[in-house]
Protein backbone atom coordinates (compact mmCIF):
# COMPACT_ATOMS: atom_id res chain seq x y z
CA UNK A 1 6.59 -28.24 3.04
CA UNK A 2 6.49 -27.83 6.82
CA UNK A 3 9.03 -25.00 6.75
CA UNK A 4 7.18 -23.27 3.88
CA UNK A 5 4.03 -23.25 6.04
CA UNK A 6 6.01 -21.80 8.97
CA UNK A 7 7.45 -19.07 6.72
CA UNK A 8 3.96 -18.27 5.40
CA UNK A 9 2.59 -18.05 8.98
CA UNK A 10 5.49 -15.80 10.04
CA UNK A 11 5.03 -13.49 7.04
CA UNK A 12 1.28 -13.15 7.70
CA UNK A 13 1.90 -12.55 11.39
CA UNK A 14 4.51 -9.83 10.78
CA UNK A 15 2.47 -8.21 7.99
CA UNK A 16 -0.52 -7.95 10.32
CA UNK A 17 1.64 -6.34 13.01
CA UNK A 18 3.30 -4.02 10.46
CA UNK A 19 -0.05 -2.65 9.27
CA UNK A 20 -0.19 -0.18 12.17
CA UNK A 21 3.26 1.14 11.28
CA UNK A 22 2.20 1.47 7.65
CA UNK A 23 -1.00 3.36 8.55
CA UNK A 24 0.81 5.66 10.99
CA UNK A 25 3.55 6.42 8.47
CA UNK A 26 0.89 6.94 5.80
CA UNK A 27 -0.85 9.51 8.03
CA UNK A 28 2.43 11.32 8.70
CA UNK A 29 3.27 11.34 4.99
CA UNK A 30 -0.20 12.60 4.09
CA UNK A 31 0.35 15.45 6.55
CA UNK A 32 3.62 16.38 4.83
CA UNK A 33 5.92 14.93 7.50
CA UNK A 34 8.88 12.99 6.15
CA UNK A 35 10.18 9.87 7.86
CA UNK A 36 13.84 9.46 6.98
CA UNK A 37 15.71 6.17 6.76
CA UNK A 38 17.28 6.55 10.22
CA UNK A 39 13.91 7.18 11.90
CA UNK A 40 12.34 4.26 10.02
CA UNK A 41 15.20 2.07 11.27
CA UNK A 42 14.58 3.25 14.86
CA UNK A 43 10.89 2.37 14.59
CA UNK A 44 11.64 -1.05 13.10
CA UNK A 45 14.37 -1.89 15.63
CA UNK A 46 12.29 -0.92 18.67
CA UNK A 47 9.17 -2.73 17.44
CA UNK A 48 11.21 -5.84 16.61
CA UNK A 49 12.97 -5.75 19.98
CA UNK A 50 9.64 -5.63 21.83
CA UNK A 51 8.26 -8.41 19.63
CA UNK A 52 11.36 -10.57 20.18
CA UNK A 53 11.22 -10.06 23.94
CA UNK A 54 7.55 -11.01 23.99
CA UNK A 55 8.25 -14.10 21.86
CA UNK A 56 11.03 -15.21 24.22
CA UNK A 57 8.80 -14.64 27.24
CA UNK A 58 6.02 -16.65 25.59
CA UNK A 59 8.44 -19.50 24.84
CA UNK A 60 9.60 -19.55 28.48
CA UNK A 61 6.00 -19.48 29.72
CA UNK A 62 5.17 -22.40 27.41
CA UNK A 63 7.56 -24.53 29.49
CA UNK A 64 5.35 -23.89 32.53
CA UNK A 65 1.88 -23.79 31.01
CA UNK A 66 0.32 -27.06 29.75
CA UNK A 67 0.25 -27.43 25.91
CA UNK A 68 -3.55 -27.58 25.75
CA UNK A 69 -3.78 -24.25 27.58
CA UNK A 70 -1.03 -22.54 25.53
CA UNK A 71 -2.95 -23.06 22.29
CA UNK A 72 -6.06 -21.57 23.86
CA UNK A 73 -4.13 -18.55 25.15
CA UNK A 74 -2.43 -18.01 21.77
CA UNK A 75 -5.69 -18.23 19.83
CA UNK A 76 -7.45 -15.94 22.32
CA UNK A 77 -4.74 -13.28 22.20
CA UNK A 78 -4.51 -13.26 18.39
CA UNK A 79 -8.31 -13.20 18.01
CA UNK A 80 -8.69 -10.42 20.59
CA UNK A 81 -6.04 -8.24 18.93
CA UNK A 82 -7.61 -8.90 15.53
CA UNK A 83 -11.09 -7.98 16.79
CA UNK A 84 -9.70 -4.85 18.46
CA UNK A 85 -8.03 -3.79 15.20
CA UNK A 86 -11.25 -4.29 13.24
CA UNK A 87 -13.31 -2.31 15.76
CA UNK A 88 -10.65 0.43 15.89
CA UNK A 89 -10.60 0.66 12.11
CA UNK A 90 -14.36 1.29 12.04
CA UNK A 91 -14.13 3.78 14.93
CA UNK A 92 -11.24 5.69 13.34
CA UNK A 93 -13.06 5.88 10.05
CA UNK A 94 -16.16 7.22 11.79
CA UNK A 95 -14.31 9.79 13.88
CA UNK A 96 -11.97 10.91 11.05
CA UNK A 97 -8.96 11.08 13.40
CA UNK A 98 -6.20 13.33 12.12
CA UNK A 99 -2.64 13.43 13.42
CA UNK A 100 -1.62 17.02 14.16
CA UNK A 101 1.98 18.03 13.69
CA UNK A 102 3.61 21.39 14.53
CA UNK A 103 4.19 23.40 11.38
CA UNK A 104 7.90 23.85 12.10
CA UNK A 105 8.52 20.07 12.35
CA UNK A 106 8.23 18.74 8.81
CA UNK A 107 10.39 15.66 9.45
CA UNK A 108 9.95 13.09 12.19
CA UNK A 109 12.75 13.42 14.75
CA UNK A 110 14.57 10.44 16.24
CA UNK A 111 12.82 11.07 19.58
CA UNK A 112 9.41 11.18 17.91
CA UNK A 113 10.26 8.00 16.01
CA UNK A 114 11.17 6.27 19.29
CA UNK A 115 7.89 7.33 20.94
CA UNK A 116 5.92 6.24 17.88
CA UNK A 117 7.67 2.86 17.92
CA UNK A 118 6.71 2.34 21.58
CA UNK A 119 3.06 2.98 20.74
CA UNK A 120 3.24 0.69 17.70
CA UNK A 121 4.85 -2.08 19.79
CA UNK A 122 1.93 -2.60 22.15
CA UNK A 123 0.00 -5.05 19.98
CA UNK A 124 3.27 -6.73 19.00
CA UNK A 125 3.98 -7.44 22.66
CA UNK A 126 0.67 -9.21 23.19
CA UNK A 127 0.74 -11.02 19.85
CA UNK A 128 4.40 -11.97 20.33
CA UNK A 129 3.67 -13.45 23.74
CA UNK A 130 0.75 -15.42 22.31
CA UNK A 131 2.81 -16.73 19.41
CA UNK A 132 5.74 -17.53 21.67
CA UNK A 133 3.50 -19.83 23.66
CA UNK A 134 3.21 -22.15 20.68
CA UNK A 135 6.86 -21.62 19.66
CA UNK A 136 7.38 -20.20 16.21
CA UNK A 137 10.76 -19.64 14.59
CA UNK A 138 11.85 -16.61 16.62
CA UNK A 139 14.81 -15.65 14.41
CA UNK A 140 12.65 -15.77 11.29
CA UNK A 141 9.92 -13.67 12.91
CA UNK A 142 12.33 -11.03 14.24
CA UNK A 143 14.17 -10.86 10.89
CA UNK A 144 10.90 -10.44 9.03
CA UNK A 145 9.78 -7.85 11.58
CA UNK A 146 12.93 -5.79 10.99
CA UNK A 147 12.65 -5.93 7.21
CA UNK A 148 8.89 -5.69 6.76
CA UNK A 149 8.48 -3.15 9.58
CA UNK A 150 10.97 -0.79 8.01
CA UNK A 151 9.48 -1.32 4.56
CA UNK A 152 6.00 -0.60 5.97
CA UNK A 153 7.14 2.71 7.49
CA UNK A 154 9.02 3.91 4.40
CA UNK A 155 6.35 2.78 1.95
CA UNK A 156 3.51 4.11 4.10
CA UNK A 157 5.11 7.54 4.37
CA UNK A 158 5.81 7.74 0.63
CA UNK A 159 2.30 6.61 -0.31
CA UNK A 160 0.81 9.01 2.23
CA UNK A 161 2.70 11.87 0.61
CA UNK A 162 1.24 10.93 -2.77
CA UNK A 163 -2.23 9.59 -2.05
CA UNK A 164 -3.27 11.60 1.05
CA UNK A 165 -5.34 9.77 3.67
CA UNK A 166 -6.95 6.91 1.76
CA UNK A 167 -7.49 3.31 2.87
CA UNK A 168 -7.20 3.79 6.65
CA UNK A 169 -10.22 1.57 7.26
CA UNK A 170 -9.16 -1.19 4.91
CA UNK A 171 -5.61 -1.48 6.33
CA UNK A 172 -6.67 -1.68 9.97
CA UNK A 173 -9.56 -3.91 9.07
CA UNK A 174 -7.44 -6.34 7.06
CA UNK A 175 -4.69 -6.58 9.69
CA UNK A 176 -7.40 -7.54 12.19
CA UNK A 177 -8.83 -10.11 9.79
CA UNK A 178 -5.34 -11.60 9.24
CA UNK A 179 -4.75 -11.97 13.00
CA UNK A 180 -8.16 -13.59 13.53
CA UNK A 181 -7.46 -15.85 10.54
CA UNK A 182 -4.15 -16.90 12.12
CA UNK A 183 -5.97 -17.62 15.38
CA UNK A 184 -8.52 -19.82 13.60
CA UNK A 185 -5.76 -21.52 11.58
CA UNK A 186 -3.96 -22.44 14.82
CA UNK A 187 -7.05 -24.39 15.91
CA UNK A 188 -6.69 -26.81 12.99
């Protein structure tokens, strides 16, 4: 039962972090830009590498920081990222932000995929550090990040091609709610 709970926590954590990749890929797909398998793999690998590094750093910092303080830091980081995602989702919906792509580039290049993955990794770094402080199963989280991150990019792009710019608010909003929920769950 204990391991099932840890798997559930890891899946929720990675799904919340993968929502940004899904939304970004959805926007690219809606704009007619294809994200090929190789570029999706680049995005997933870079995001997972940043997440893994942050998790390892958090685990090392947990050896130095008292346990009572690590829980507070973890909860604060997850709640702050979740709140930021919710606020950003409302702001993006209000401003109707559109990603502009040059007409001659109808497929995401490897370089563009790398730059996109860096941008998508920023919340993963903070959340990974926070989670590392209370030591999750790092191999499970990185494995899930690789698989679910790549699936999020490929699925987001394909759905964006077909459905064209729907659900931006709900995806960002729900990833924020999931992270805040994980933060609250950690308190109990």
